[in-house]
Amino acid sequence: MTPVKIEQLLTQYYASWSTGNPDNVIQFFTQDAVFEDLAFEAKFVGLDAIRSFAVLTYSGVPDFKVVPTQIVAGDNSAAASWVMSGTHTGDLPNLPASQKRFEVRASSIITLKDDLIFDIKDYWNPNSFLK
């Protein structure tokens, strides 16, 4: 996959998080994909687990939005920076609803296989979310 195509795919992927629909998110992953949210020390393997993570995210933050700020792509890999935002109106594991709005910068390291995301590691500061 060319770097330009990877950038296009990832731009669409990040936009899918802003739709509130888990099925829009998982369409960008391979069946055996691995998604790691390193801030929460959580790992999700396979489409069902990744979909469950998206459902959980939307239950805690129904207006969840993601905006990519930079995507740098190579052959079947990429790095991205992005901003997530929303209002924490629902409980998350070990995080009762705060009713507060947040905006947090984040980054990802991504590996692709068969023109889809095979492995993604998201890095962000959970203290920024808690403020």
Protein backbone atom coordinates (compact mmCIF):
# COMPACT_ATOMS: atom_id res chain seq x y z
CA MET A 1 0.00 0.00 0.00
CA THR A 2 1.42 3.37 -0.94
CA PRO A 3 1.99 6.09 1.67
CA VAL A 4 -0.68 8.26 0.01
CA LYS A 5 -3.27 5.45 0.21
CA ILE A 6 -2.33 4.80 3.84
CA GLU A 7 -2.81 8.49 4.68
CA GLN A 8 -6.25 8.41 2.99
CA LEU A 9 -7.25 5.23 4.84
CA LEU A 10 -6.17 6.60 8.20
CA THR A 11 -7.89 9.93 7.63
CA GLN A 12 -11.12 7.99 7.03
CA TYR A 13 -10.42 5.75 10.02
CA TYR A 14 -10.02 8.68 12.42
CA ALA A 15 -13.15 10.32 11.00
CA SER A 16 -15.06 7.07 11.65
CA TRP A 17 -14.54 7.51 15.41
CA SER A 18 -16.54 10.74 15.20
CA THR A 19 -19.65 8.98 13.88
CA GLY A 20 -20.63 7.25 17.13
CA ASN A 21 -21.05 3.97 15.24
CA PRO A 22 -18.74 1.08 16.23
CA ASP A 23 -19.34 -0.68 12.90
CA ASN A 24 -17.90 2.33 11.08
CA VAL A 25 -14.74 1.96 13.16
CA ILE A 26 -14.14 -1.77 12.82
CA GLN A 27 -14.40 -1.76 9.01
CA PHE A 28 -10.81 -0.48 8.95
CA PHE A 29 -9.34 -3.50 10.79
CA THR A 30 -8.25 -6.99 9.77
CA GLN A 31 -10.11 -9.89 11.39
CA ASP A 32 -7.10 -10.61 13.62
CA ALA A 33 -6.20 -7.00 14.40
CA VAL A 34 -4.71 -5.90 17.70
CA PHE A 35 -5.69 -2.54 19.23
CA GLU A 36 -3.80 -1.31 22.27
CA ASP A 37 -4.83 1.70 24.33
CA LEU A 38 -1.65 2.17 26.32
CA ALA A 39 -3.06 4.94 28.52
CA PHE A 40 -5.61 2.49 29.91
CA GLU A 41 -3.20 -0.46 29.59
CA ALA A 42 -5.86 -2.25 27.56
CA LYS A 43 -5.41 -4.65 24.65
CA PHE A 44 -8.17 -5.77 22.28
CA VAL A 45 -7.61 -8.63 19.85
CA GLY A 46 -10.01 -9.28 16.95
CA LEU A 47 -12.97 -7.38 15.57
CA ASP A 48 -15.40 -8.30 18.34
CA ALA A 49 -13.07 -7.01 21.04
CA ILE A 50 -12.28 -3.82 19.12
CA ARG A 51 -15.98 -3.25 18.52
CA SER A 52 -16.62 -3.70 22.27
CA PHE A 53 -13.99 -1.06 22.99
CA ALA A 54 -15.72 1.37 20.61
CA VAL A 55 -19.10 0.64 22.26
CA LEU A 56 -17.55 1.30 25.67
CA THR A 57 -16.01 4.55 24.45
CA TYR A 58 -19.34 5.82 23.10
CA SER A 59 -21.20 4.79 26.26
CA GLY A 60 -18.87 6.98 28.33
CA VAL A 61 -18.48 9.76 25.77
CA PRO A 62 -21.46 9.82 23.39
CA ASP A 63 -20.15 12.90 21.55
CA PHE A 64 -16.65 11.42 21.09
CA LYS A 65 -14.72 13.05 18.24
CA VAL A 66 -11.29 12.43 16.73
CA VAL A 67 -9.44 14.82 14.44
CA PRO A 68 -6.10 13.79 12.94
CA THR A 69 -3.44 16.50 12.96
CA GLN A 70 -0.63 14.65 11.20
CA ILE A 71 -0.17 11.30 9.46
CA VAL A 72 3.23 10.08 8.32
CA ALA A 73 3.09 6.89 6.28
CA GLY A 74 5.63 4.43 4.93
CA ASP A 75 5.22 1.00 3.40
CA ASN A 76 2.49 -0.72 5.43
CA SER A 77 3.10 1.39 8.51
CA ALA A 78 2.33 4.84 9.80
CA ALA A 79 2.50 7.21 12.73
CA ALA A 80 -0.28 9.66 13.46
CA SER A 81 -1.04 12.45 15.87
CA TRP A 82 -4.62 13.37 16.62
CA VAL A 83 -6.92 15.12 19.08
CA MET A 84 -9.81 13.41 20.82
CA SER A 85 -12.59 15.36 22.47
CA GLY A 86 -16.01 14.96 23.96
CA THR A 87 -18.01 15.12 27.17
CA HIS A 88 -17.55 12.39 29.78
CA THR A 89 -21.24 11.82 30.56
CA GLY A 90 -21.20 8.05 31.12
CA ASP A 91 -19.26 5.80 33.45
CA LEU A 92 -16.11 4.11 32.17
CA PRO A 93 -14.23 1.34 33.99
CA ASN A 94 -12.82 2.91 37.17
CA LEU A 95 -13.87 6.36 35.91
CA PRO A 96 -17.31 7.55 36.99
CA ALA A 97 -18.90 10.13 34.73
CA SER A 98 -17.48 13.60 35.40
CA GLN A 99 -19.86 15.53 33.14
CA LYS A 100 -16.77 17.45 31.99
CA ARG A 101 -15.70 18.27 28.48
CA PHE A 102 -12.18 17.22 27.48
CA GLU A 103 -9.71 17.63 24.65
CA VAL A 104 -6.62 15.41 24.67
CA ARG A 105 -3.75 15.10 22.21
CA ALA A 106 -2.70 11.57 21.27
CA SER A 107 -0.56 9.59 18.87
CA SER A 108 -0.62 6.16 17.25
CA ILE A 109 1.83 3.72 15.73
CA ILE A 110 0.09 1.63 13.07
CA THR A 111 0.94 -1.47 11.05
CA LEU A 112 -1.21 -2.44 8.07
CA LYS A 113 -1.87 -5.78 6.41
CA ASP A 114 -4.06 -6.43 3.36
CA ASP A 115 -4.83 -2.68 3.14
CA LEU A 116 -6.35 -2.63 6.64
CA ILE A 117 -5.12 -1.88 10.15
CA PHE A 118 -3.48 -4.97 11.64
CA ASP A 119 -1.89 -3.42 14.73
CA ILE A 120 -2.42 -0.04 16.36
CA LYS A 121 -0.99 1.34 19.56
CA ASP A 122 -2.54 4.54 20.92
CA TYR A 123 -0.54 6.73 23.28
CA TRP A 124 -2.03 9.57 25.30
CA ASN A 125 -1.82 11.04 28.79
CA PRO A 126 -4.72 9.90 30.99
CA ASN A 127 -4.01 12.81 33.38
CA SER A 128 -4.99 15.20 30.58
CA PHE A 129 -8.36 13.43 30.38
CA LEU A 130 -8.87 13.60 34.15
CA LYS A 131 -8.22 17.37 34.35
